[in-house]
């Protein structure tokens, strides 16, 4: 099962907070075969000037399997991530507008 890391903000009444809530609510039902790890920009270990630039982005996607007692991690292909990212903007827009 693939795990997608998505950057979202805290839940609040701002457009960004509403859009983040919409992603948390909609993505698991839209893609039930995937697991989502929602992280805040402040949780990222990076030297970016504005961690908010990463909001609503897919940071990573991988699958972990256990074979012969060892955990093997494989990254998702580009072809797998593109359709998934196609669904992010409409969800963000709906949340942003408060729907």
PDB file of N, CA and C in Angstrom:
ATOM      1  N   UNK A   1       0.850  -1.171   0.000  1.00  0.00           N
ATOM      2  CA  UNK A   1       0.000   0.000   0.000  1.00  0.00           C
ATOM      3  C   UNK A   1       0.902   1.242   0.000  1.00  0.00           C
ATOM      4  N   UNK A   2       0.605   2.161  -0.890  1.00  0.00           N
ATOM      5  CA  UNK A   2       1.419   3.364  -0.984  1.00  0.00           C
ATOM      6  C   UNK A   2       1.048   4.375   0.088  1.00  0.00           C
ATOM      7  N   UNK A   3       2.074   5.053   0.595  1.00  0.00           N
ATOM      8  CA  UNK A   3       1.893   6.109   1.588  1.00  0.00           C
ATOM      9  C   UNK A   3       2.313   7.417   0.930  1.00  0.00           C
ATOM     10  N   UNK A   4       1.380   8.382   0.898  1.00  0.00           N
ATOM     11  CA  UNK A   4       1.665   9.692   0.316  1.00  0.00           C
ATOM     12  C   UNK A   4       1.822  10.706   1.435  1.00  0.00           C
ATOM     13  N   UNK A   5       2.912  11.448   1.425  1.00  0.00           N
ATOM     14  CA  UNK A   5       3.121  12.546   2.363  1.00  0.00           C
ATOM     15  C   UNK A   5       2.586  13.825   1.749  1.00  0.00           C
ATOM     16  N   UNK A   6       1.635  14.475   2.424  1.00  0.00           N
ATOM     17  CA  UNK A   6       0.997  15.696   1.919  1.00  0.00           C
ATOM     18  C   UNK A   6       1.201  16.802   2.940  1.00  0.00           C
ATOM     19  N   UNK A   7       1.609  17.983   2.462  1.00  0.00           N
ATOM     20  CA  UNK A   7       1.801  19.123   3.354  1.00  0.00           C
ATOM     21  C   UNK A   7       0.493  19.896   3.468  1.00  0.00           C
ATOM     22  N   UNK A   8       0.008  20.065   4.700  1.00  0.00           N
ATOM     23  CA  UNK A   8      -1.214  20.809   4.977  1.00  0.00           C
ATOM     24  C   UNK A   8      -0.960  21.734   6.163  1.00  0.00           C
ATOM     25  N   UNK A   9      -1.882  22.660   6.379  1.00  0.00           N
ATOM     26  CA  UNK A   9      -1.757  23.561   7.520  1.00  0.00           C
ATOM     27  C   UNK A   9      -2.637  23.077   8.655  1.00  0.00           C
ATOM     28  N   UNK A  10      -2.628  23.830   9.731  1.00  0.00           N
ATOM     29  CA  UNK A  10      -3.507  23.534  10.864  1.00  0.00           C
ATOM     30  C   UNK A  10      -4.954  23.793  10.464  1.00  0.00           C
ATOM     31  N   UNK A  11      -5.866  23.144  11.164  1.00  0.00           N
ATOM     32  CA  UNK A  11      -7.294  23.365  10.931  1.00  0.00           C
ATOM     33  C   UNK A  11      -7.700  24.685  11.560  1.00  0.00           C
ATOM     34  N   UNK A  12      -8.253  25.569  10.757  1.00  0.00           N
ATOM     35  CA  UNK A  12      -8.792  26.823  11.273  1.00  0.00           C
ATOM     36  C   UNK A  12      -9.761  27.399  10.245  1.00  0.00           C
ATOM     37  N   UNK A  13     -10.283  28.583  10.517  1.00  0.00           N
ATOM     38  CA  UNK A  13     -11.309  29.178   9.656  1.00  0.00           C
ATOM     39  C   UNK A  13     -10.740  29.921   8.451  1.00  0.00           C
ATOM     40  N   UNK A  14      -9.424  29.941   8.290  1.00  0.00           N
ATOM     41  CA  UNK A  14      -8.829  30.623   7.142  1.00  0.00           C
ATOM     42  C   UNK A  14      -9.022  29.764   5.892  1.00  0.00           C
ATOM     43  N   UNK A  15      -8.895  30.360   4.712  1.00  0.00           N
ATOM     44  CA  UNK A  15      -9.002  29.551   3.487  1.00  0.00           C
ATOM     45  C   UNK A  15      -8.001  28.387   3.453  1.00  0.00           C
ATOM     46  N   UNK A  16      -6.761  28.628   3.890  1.00  0.00           N
ATOM     47  CA  UNK A  16      -5.756  27.569   3.884  1.00  0.00           C
ATOM     48  C   UNK A  16      -6.144  26.456   4.862  1.00  0.00           C
ATOM     49  N   UNK A  17      -6.653  26.835   6.035  1.00  0.00           N
ATOM     50  CA  UNK A  17      -7.098  25.844   7.018  1.00  0.00           C
ATOM     51  C   UNK A  17      -8.267  25.020   6.506  1.00  0.00           C
ATOM     52  N   UNK A  18      -9.209  25.682   5.836  1.00  0.00           N
ATOM     53  CA  UNK A  18     -10.356  24.960   5.272  1.00  0.00           C
ATOM     54  C   UNK A  18      -9.925  24.022   4.152  1.00  0.00           C
ATOM     55  N   UNK A  19      -9.007  24.485   3.316  1.00  0.00           N
ATOM     56  CA  UNK A  19      -8.509  23.640   2.225  1.00  0.00           C
ATOM     57  C   UNK A  19      -7.755  22.432   2.789  1.00  0.00           C
ATOM     58  N   UNK A  20      -6.995  22.639   3.847  1.00  0.00           N
ATOM     59  CA  UNK A  20      -6.273  21.539   4.488  1.00  0.00           C
ATOM     60  C   UNK A  20      -7.256  20.524   5.063  1.00  0.00           C
ATOM     61  N   UNK A  21      -8.309  21.027   5.715  1.00  0.00           N
ATOM     62  CA  UNK A  21      -9.348  20.135   6.246  1.00  0.00           C
ATOM     63  C   UNK A  21     -10.012  19.342   5.125  1.00  0.00           C
ATOM     64  N   UNK A  22     -10.251  19.988   3.996  1.00  0.00           N
ATOM     65  CA  UNK A  22     -10.889  19.305   2.867  1.00  0.00           C
ATOM     66  C   UNK A  22     -10.015  18.160   2.362  1.00  0.00           C
ATOM     67  N   UNK A  23      -8.713  18.381   2.292  1.00  0.00           N
ATOM     68  CA  UNK A  23      -7.815  17.312   1.851  1.00  0.00           C
ATOM     69  C   UNK A  23      -7.831  16.149   2.839  1.00  0.00           C
ATOM     70  N   UNK A  24      -7.760  16.476   4.125  1.00  0.00           N
ATOM     71  CA  UNK A  24      -7.792  15.422   5.146  1.00  0.00           C
ATOM     72  C   UNK A  24      -9.082  14.600   5.056  1.00  0.00           C
ATOM     73  N   UNK A  25     -10.184  15.266   4.756  1.00  0.00           N
ATOM     74  CA  UNK A  25     -11.484  14.593   4.707  1.00  0.00           C
ATOM     75  C   UNK A  25     -11.701  13.824   3.409  1.00  0.00           C
ATOM     76  N   UNK A  26     -11.274  14.375   2.284  1.00  0.00           N
ATOM     77  CA  UNK A  26     -11.623  13.814   0.978  1.00  0.00           C
ATOM     78  C   UNK A  26     -10.642  12.784   0.425  1.00  0.00           C
ATOM     79  N   UNK A  27      -9.361  12.972   0.659  1.00  0.00           N
ATOM     80  CA  UNK A  27      -8.387  12.082   0.010  1.00  0.00           C
ATOM     81  C   UNK A  27      -8.526  10.615   0.407  1.00  0.00           C
ATOM     82  N   UNK A  28      -8.686  10.288   1.686  1.00  0.00           N
ATOM     83  CA  UNK A  28      -8.808   8.858   2.027  1.00  0.00           C
ATOM     84  C   UNK A  28     -10.006   8.177   1.359  1.00  0.00           C
ATOM     85  N   UNK A  29     -11.122   8.857   1.228  1.00  0.00           N
ATOM     86  CA  UNK A  29     -12.286   8.265   0.563  1.00  0.00           C
ATOM     87  C   UNK A  29     -12.135   8.200  -0.941  1.00  0.00           C
ATOM     88  N   UNK A  30     -11.437   9.173  -1.510  1.00  0.00           N
ATOM     89  CA  UNK A  30     -11.231   9.213  -2.958  1.00  0.00           C
ATOM     90  C   UNK A  30     -10.215   8.165  -3.398  1.00  0.00           C
ATOM     91  N   UNK A  31      -9.230   7.914  -2.546  1.00  0.00           N
ATOM     92  CA  UNK A  31      -8.167   6.943  -2.853  1.00  0.00           C
ATOM     93  C   UNK A  31      -8.038   5.944  -1.704  1.00  0.00           C
ATOM     94  N   UNK A  32      -9.002   5.033  -1.567  1.00  0.00           N
ATOM     95  CA  UNK A  32      -8.996   4.128  -0.413  1.00  0.00           C
ATOM     96  C   UNK A  32      -7.837   3.126  -0.390  1.00  0.00           C
ATOM     97  N   UNK A  33      -7.157   2.953  -1.507  1.00  0.00           N
ATOM     98  CA  UNK A  33      -6.038   2.010  -1.537  1.00  0.00           C
ATOM     99  C   UNK A  33      -4.724   2.650  -1.087  1.00  0.00           C
ATOM    100  N   UNK A  34      -4.761   3.942  -0.755  1.00  0.00           N
ATOM    101  CA  UNK A  34      -3.563   4.651  -0.329  1.00  0.00           C
ATOM    102  C   UNK A  34      -3.675   5.072   1.127  1.00  0.00           C
ATOM    103  N   UNK A  35      -2.545   5.315   1.728  1.00  0.00           N
ATOM    104  CA  UNK A  35      -2.472   5.876   3.083  1.00  0.00           C
ATOM    105  C   UNK A  35      -1.896   7.281   2.939  1.00  0.00           C
ATOM    106  N   UNK A  36      -2.428   8.221   3.703  1.00  0.00           N
ATOM    107  CA  UNK A  36      -1.955   9.601   3.638  1.00  0.00           C
ATOM    108  C   UNK A  36      -1.348  10.013   4.971  1.00  0.00           C
ATOM    109  N   UNK A  37      -0.208  10.633   4.896  1.00  0.00           N
ATOM    110  CA  UNK A  37       0.463  11.170   6.074  1.00  0.00           C
ATOM    111  C   UNK A  37       0.451  12.682   5.908  1.00  0.00           C
ATOM    112  N   UNK A  38      -0.428  13.359   6.640  1.00  0.00           N
ATOM    113  CA  UNK A  38      -0.571  14.809   6.540  1.00  0.00           C
ATOM    114  C   UNK A  38       0.385  15.467   7.527  1.00  0.00           C
ATOM    115  N   UNK A  39       1.278  16.313   7.012  1.00  0.00           N
ATOM    116  CA  UNK A  39       2.261  16.986   7.859  1.00  0.00           C
ATOM    117  C   UNK A  39       2.157  18.494   7.670  1.00  0.00           C
ATOM    118  N   UNK A  40       2.469  19.220   8.717  1.00  0.00           N
ATOM    119  CA  UNK A  40       2.494  20.681   8.645  1.00  0.00           C
ATOM    120  C   UNK A  40       3.851  21.170   8.201  1.00  0.00           C
ATOM    121  N   UNK A  41       3.908  22.351   7.591  1.00  0.00           N
ATOM    122  CA  UNK A  41       5.196  22.881   7.133  1.00  0.00           C
ATOM    123  C   UNK A  41       6.208  23.001   8.269  1.00  0.00           C
ATOM    124  N   UNK A  42       5.705  23.269   9.477  1.00  0.00           N
ATOM    125  CA  UNK A  42       6.612  23.430  10.616  1.00  0.00           C
ATOM    126  C   UNK A  42       7.264  22.109  11.018  1.00  0.00           C
ATOM    127  N   UNK A  43       6.713  20.986  10.577  1.00  0.00           N
ATOM    128  CA  UNK A  43       7.273  19.676  10.899  1.00  0.00           C
ATOM    129  C   UNK A  43       8.409  19.272   9.965  1.00  0.00           C
ATOM    130  N   UNK A  44       8.575  20.011   8.889  1.00  0.00           N
ATOM    131  CA  UNK A  44       9.578  19.652   7.893  1.00  0.00           C
ATOM    132  C   UNK A  44      10.950  20.140   8.327  1.00  0.00           C
ATOM    133  N   UNK A  45      11.919  19.297   8.150  1.00  0.00           N
ATOM    134  CA  UNK A  45      13.294  19.649   8.462  1.00  0.00           C
ATOM    135  C   UNK A  45      13.929  20.199   7.192  1.00  0.00           C
ATOM    136  N   UNK A  46      13.801  21.504   7.016  1.00  0.00           N
ATOM    137  CA  UNK A  46      14.306  22.116   5.788  1.00  0.00           C
ATOM    138  C   UNK A  46      14.719  23.554   6.051  1.00  0.00           C
ATOM    139  N   UNK A  47      15.499  24.102   5.158  1.00  0.00           N
ATOM    140  CA  UNK A  47      15.985  25.468   5.282  1.00  0.00           C
ATOM    141  C   UNK A  47      15.268  26.420   4.337  1.00  0.00           C
ATOM    142  N   UNK A  48      14.056  26.097   3.931  1.00  0.00           N
ATOM    143  CA  UNK A  48      13.312  26.947   3.000  1.00  0.00           C
ATOM    144  C   UNK A  48      12.978  28.277   3.647  1.00  0.00           C
ATOM    145  N   UNK A  49      12.997  29.312   2.875  1.00  0.00           N
ATOM    146  CA  UNK A  49      12.626  30.634   3.383  1.00  0.00           C
ATOM    147  C   UNK A  49      11.171  30.662   3.802  1.00  0.00           C
ATOM    148  N   UNK A  50      10.340  30.000   3.021  1.00  0.00           N
ATOM    149  CA  UNK A  50       8.914  30.000   3.301  1.00  0.00           C
ATOM    150  C   UNK A  50       8.398  28.559   3.188  1.00  0.00           C
ATOM    151  N   UNK A  51       8.362  27.832   4.320  1.00  0.00           N
ATOM    152  CA  UNK A  51       7.881  26.452   4.254  1.00  0.00           C
ATOM    153  C   UNK A  51       6.456  26.351   3.714  1.00  0.00           C
ATOM    154  N   UNK A  52       5.679  27.438   3.790  1.00  0.00           N
ATOM    155  CA  UNK A  52       4.323  27.442   3.270  1.00  0.00           C
ATOM    156  C   UNK A  52       4.268  27.235   1.768  1.00  0.00           C
ATOM    157  N   UNK A  53       5.390  27.422   1.087  1.00  0.00           N
ATOM    158  CA  UNK A  53       5.421  27.185  -0.359  1.00  0.00           C
ATOM    159  C   UNK A  53       5.143  25.721  -0.695  1.00  0.00           C
ATOM    160  N   UNK A  54       5.308  24.843   0.276  1.00  0.00           N
ATOM    161  CA  UNK A  54       5.090  23.422   0.042  1.00  0.00           C
ATOM    162  C   UNK A  54       3.668  22.973   0.344  1.00  0.00           C
ATOM    163  N   UNK A  55       2.808  23.899   0.772  1.00  0.00           N
ATOM    164  CA  UNK A  55       1.435  23.524   1.090  1.00  0.00           C
ATOM    165  C   UNK A  55       0.762  22.829  -0.083  1.00  0.00           C
ATOM    166  N   UNK A  56       0.026  21.787   0.235  1.00  0.00           N
ATOM    167  CA  UNK A  56      -0.764  21.010  -0.720  1.00  0.00           C
ATOM    168  C   UNK A  56       0.095  20.288  -1.758  1.00  0.00           C
ATOM    169  N   UNK A  57       1.322  19.993  -1.408  1.00  0.00           N
ATOM    170  CA  UNK A  57       2.219  19.259  -2.304  1.00  0.00           C
ATOM    171  C   UNK A  57       2.396  17.825  -1.810  1.00  0.00           C
ATOM    172  N   UNK A  58       2.633  16.931  -2.746  1.00  0.00           N
ATOM    173  CA  UNK A  58       2.989  15.559  -2.409  1.00  0.00           C
ATOM    174  C   UNK A  58       4.495  15.534  -2.207  1.00  0.00           C
ATOM    175  N   UNK A  59       4.929  15.211  -0.992  1.00  0.00           N
ATOM    176  CA  UNK A  59       6.354  15.187  -0.722  1.00  0.00           C
ATOM    177  C   UNK A  59       6.992  13.862  -1.099  1.00  0.00           C
ATOM    178  N   UNK A  60       6.292  12.802  -0.825  1.00  0.00           N
ATOM    179  CA  UNK A  60       6.850  11.493  -1.100  1.00  0.00           C
ATOM    180  C   UNK A  60       5.724  10.493  -1.276  1.00  0.00           C
ATOM    181  N   UNK A  61       6.032   9.458  -1.951  1.00  0.00           N
ATOM    182  CA  UNK A  61       5.079   8.363  -2.094  1.00  0.00           C
ATOM    183  C   UNK A  61       5.886   7.084  -2.182  1.00  0.00           C
ATOM    184  N   UNK A  62       5.648   6.202  -1.241  1.00  0.00           N
ATOM    185  CA  UNK A  62       6.345   4.934  -1.299  1.00  0.00           C
ATOM    186  C   UNK A  62       5.466   3.816  -0.775  1.00  0.00           C
ATOM    187  N   UNK A  63       5.911   2.630  -1.024  1.00  0.00           N
ATOM    188  CA  UNK A  63       5.206   1.440  -0.541  1.00  0.00           C
ATOM    189  C   UNK A  63       6.212   0.633   0.265  1.00  0.00           C
ATOM    190  N   UNK A  64       5.737   0.080   1.347  1.00  0.00           N
ATOM    191  CA  UNK A  64       6.611  -0.751   2.155  1.00  0.00           C
ATOM    192  C   UNK A  64       6.045  -2.161   2.213  1.00  0.00           C
ATOM    193  N   UNK A  65       6.914  -3.113   1.965  1.00  0.00           N
ATOM    194  CA  UNK A  65       6.539  -4.521   2.023  1.00  0.00           C
ATOM    195  C   UNK A  65       7.550  -5.253   2.886  1.00  0.00           C
ATOM    196  N   UNK A  66       7.106  -6.312   3.488  1.00  0.00           N
ATOM    197  CA  UNK A  66       8.022  -7.144   4.261  1.00  0.00           C
ATOM    198  C   UNK A  66       8.284  -8.412   3.455  1.00  0.00           C
ATOM    199  N   UNK A  67       9.556  -8.642   3.174  1.00  0.00           N
ATOM    200  CA  UNK A  67       9.979  -9.845   2.455  1.00  0.00           C
ATOM    201  C   UNK A  67      11.095 -10.505   3.242  1.00  0.00           C
ATOM    202  N   UNK A  68      10.922 -11.739   3.530  1.00  0.00           N
ATOM    203  CA  UNK A  68      11.937 -12.499   4.279  1.00  0.00           C
ATOM    204  C   UNK A  68      12.337 -11.787   5.569  1.00  0.00           C
ATOM    205  N   UNK A  69      11.356 -11.186   6.236  1.00  0.00           N
ATOM    206  CA  UNK A  69      11.619 -10.520   7.514  1.00  0.00           C
ATOM    207  C   UNK A  69      12.241  -9.138   7.391  1.00  0.00           C
ATOM    208  N   UNK A  70      12.447  -8.655   6.175  1.00  0.00           N
ATOM    209  CA  UNK A  70      13.036  -7.332   5.959  1.00  0.00           C
ATOM    210  C   UNK A  70      12.008  -6.408   5.331  1.00  0.00           C
ATOM    211  N   UNK A  71      11.976  -5.152   5.787  1.00  0.00           N
ATOM    212  CA  UNK A  71      11.072  -4.166   5.207  1.00  0.00           C
ATOM    213  C   UNK A  71      11.723  -3.571   3.973  1.00  0.00           C
ATOM    214  N   UNK A  72      11.021  -3.637   2.865  1.00  0.00           N
ATOM    215  CA  UNK A  72      11.511  -3.097   1.601  1.00  0.00           C
ATOM    216  C   UNK A  72      10.631  -1.917   1.221  1.00  0.00           C
ATOM    217  N   UNK A  73      11.242  -0.798   0.912  1.00  0.00           N
ATOM    218  CA  UNK A  73      10.510   0.410   0.549  1.00  0.00           C
ATOM    219  C   UNK A  73      10.770   0.718  -0.915  1.00  0.00           C
ATOM    220  N   UNK A  74       9.697   0.954  -1.671  1.00  0.00           N
ATOM    221  CA  UNK A  74       9.803   1.289  -3.085  1.00  0.00           C
ATOM    222  C   UNK A  74       9.026   2.566  -3.342  1.00  0.00           C
ATOM    223  N   UNK A  75       9.622   3.493  -4.071  1.00  0.00           N
ATOM    224  CA  UNK A  75       8.936   4.743  -4.390  1.00  0.00           C
ATOM    225  C   UNK A  75       7.920   4.538  -5.500  1.00  0.00           C
ATOM    226  N   UNK A  76       6.850   5.334  -5.433  1.00  0.00           N
ATOM    227  CA  UNK A  76       5.838   5.306  -6.483  1.00  0.00           C
ATOM    228  C   UNK A  76       6.420   5.891  -7.765  1.00  0.00           C
ATOM    229  N   UNK A  77       5.926   5.421  -8.882  1.00  0.00           N
ATOM    230  CA  UNK A  77       6.376   5.946 -10.160  1.00  0.00           C
ATOM    231  C   UNK A  77       5.710   7.298 -10.437  1.00  0.00           C
ATOM    232  N   UNK A  78       6.305   8.038 -11.324  1.00  0.00           N
ATOM    233  CA  UNK A  78       5.749   9.328 -11.732  1.00  0.00           C
ATOM    234  C   UNK A  78       4.339   9.158 -12.275  1.00  0.00           C
ATOM    235  N   UNK A  79       4.123   8.096 -13.050  1.00  0.00           N
ATOM    236  CA  UNK A  79       2.812   7.837 -13.638  1.00  0.00           C
ATOM    237  C   UNK A  79       1.748   7.603 -12.568  1.00  0.00           C
ATOM    238  N   UNK A  80       2.144   7.120 -11.424  1.00  0.00           N
ATOM    239  CA  UNK A  80       1.201   6.883 -10.346  1.00  0.00           C
ATOM    240  C   UNK A  80       0.871   8.178  -9.598  1.00  0.00           C
ATOM    241  N   UNK A  81       1.829   9.060  -9.471  1.00  0.00           N
ATOM    242  CA  UNK A  81       1.629  10.303  -8.717  1.00  0.00           C
ATOM    243  C   UNK A  81       0.823  11.323  -9.510  1.00  0.00           C
ATOM    244  N   UNK A  82       0.998  11.390 -10.819  1.00  0.00           N
ATOM    245  CA  UNK A  82       0.329  12.408 -11.642  1.00  0.00           C
ATOM    246  C   UNK A  82      -1.195  12.365 -11.522  1.00  0.00           C
ATOM    247  N   UNK A  83      -1.853  11.217 -11.685  1.00  0.00           N
ATOM    248  CA  UNK A  83      -3.312  11.223 -11.543  1.00  0.00           C
ATOM    249  C   UNK A  83      -3.751  11.628 -10.138  1.00  0.00           C
ATOM    250  N   UNK A  84      -2.992  11.233  -9.155  1.00  0.00           N
ATOM    251  CA  UNK A  84      -3.302  11.588  -7.779  1.00  0.00           C
ATOM    252  C   UNK A  84      -3.222  13.110  -7.596  1.00  0.00           C
ATOM    253  N   UNK A  85      -2.141  13.724  -8.082  1.00  0.00           N
ATOM    254  CA  UNK A  85      -1.991  15.178  -7.952  1.00  0.00           C
ATOM    255  C   UNK A  85      -3.053  15.926  -8.757  1.00  0.00           C
ATOM    256  N   UNK A  86      -3.592  15.317  -9.779  1.00  0.00           N
ATOM    257  CA  UNK A  86      -4.651  15.922 -10.575  1.00  0.00           C
ATOM    258  C   UNK A  86      -5.885  16.199  -9.711  1.00  0.00           C
ATOM    259  N   UNK A  87      -6.130  15.365  -8.701  1.00  0.00           N
ATOM    260  CA  UNK A  87      -7.301  15.515  -7.833  1.00  0.00           C
ATOM    261  C   UNK A  87      -7.106  16.540  -6.709  1.00  0.00           C
ATOM    262  N   UNK A  88      -5.878  16.920  -6.415  1.00  0.00           N
ATOM    263  CA  UNK A  88      -5.638  17.857  -5.308  1.00  0.00           C
ATOM    264  C   UNK A  88      -6.235  19.246  -5.533  1.00  0.00           C
ATOM    265  N   UNK A  89      -5.995  19.906  -6.673  1.00  0.00           N
ATOM    266  CA  UNK A  89      -6.506  21.277  -6.830  1.00  0.00           C
ATOM    267  C   UNK A  89      -8.013  21.431  -6.657  1.00  0.00           C
ATOM    268  N   UNK A  90      -8.858  20.576  -7.237  1.00  0.00           N
ATOM    269  CA  UNK A  90     -10.295  20.771  -7.026  1.00  0.00           C
ATOM    270  C   UNK A  90     -10.701  20.662  -5.558  1.00  0.00           C
ATOM    271  N   UNK A  91     -10.085  19.742  -4.828  1.00  0.00           N
ATOM    272  CA  UNK A  91     -10.402  19.597  -3.400  1.00  0.00           C
ATOM    273  C   UNK A  91      -9.960  20.842  -2.641  1.00  0.00           C
ATOM    274  N   UNK A  92      -8.766  21.325  -2.948  1.00  0.00           N
ATOM    275  CA  UNK A  92      -8.246  22.529  -2.290  1.00  0.00           C
ATOM    276  C   UNK A  92      -9.153  23.720  -2.585  1.00  0.00           C
ATOM    277  N   UNK A  93      -9.575  23.875  -3.827  1.00  0.00           N
ATOM    278  CA  UNK A  93     -10.430  25.012  -4.208  1.00  0.00           C
ATOM    279  C   UNK A  93     -11.754  24.956  -3.476  1.00  0.00           C
ATOM    280  N   UNK A  94     -12.364  23.777  -3.403  1.00  0.00           N
ATOM    281  CA  UNK A  94     -13.633  23.657  -2.682  1.00  0.00           C
ATOM    282  C   UNK A  94     -13.475  24.034  -1.220  1.00  0.00           C
ATOM    283  N   UNK A  95     -12.422  23.539  -0.584  1.00  0.00           N
ATOM    284  CA  UNK A  95     -12.173  23.885   0.805  1.00  0.00           C
ATOM    285  C   UNK A  95     -11.857  25.354   0.979  1.00  0.00           C
ATOM    286  N   UNK A  96     -11.092  25.898   0.052  1.00  0.00           N
ATOM    287  CA  UNK A  96     -10.691  27.311   0.103  1.00  0.00           C
ATOM    288  C   UNK A  96     -11.931  28.209   0.083  1.00  0.00           C
ATOM    289  N   UNK A  97     -12.873  27.847  -0.779  1.00  0.00           N
ATOM    290  CA  UNK A  97     -14.091  28.636  -0.915  1.00  0.00           C
ATOM    291  C   UNK A  97     -15.112  28.364   0.190  1.00  0.00           C
ATOM    292  N   UNK A  98     -14.829  27.366   1.043  1.00  0.00           N
ATOM    293  CA  UNK A  98     -15.710  27.074   2.167  1.00  0.00           C
ATOM    294  C   UNK A  98     -16.858  26.169   1.841  1.00  0.00           C
ATOM    295  N   UNK A  99     -16.750  25.349   0.796  1.00  0.00           N
ATOM    296  CA  UNK A  99     -17.843  24.425   0.419  1.00  0.00           C
ATOM    297  C   UNK A  99     -17.650  23.085   1.074  1.00  0.00           C
TER     298      UNK A  99
END
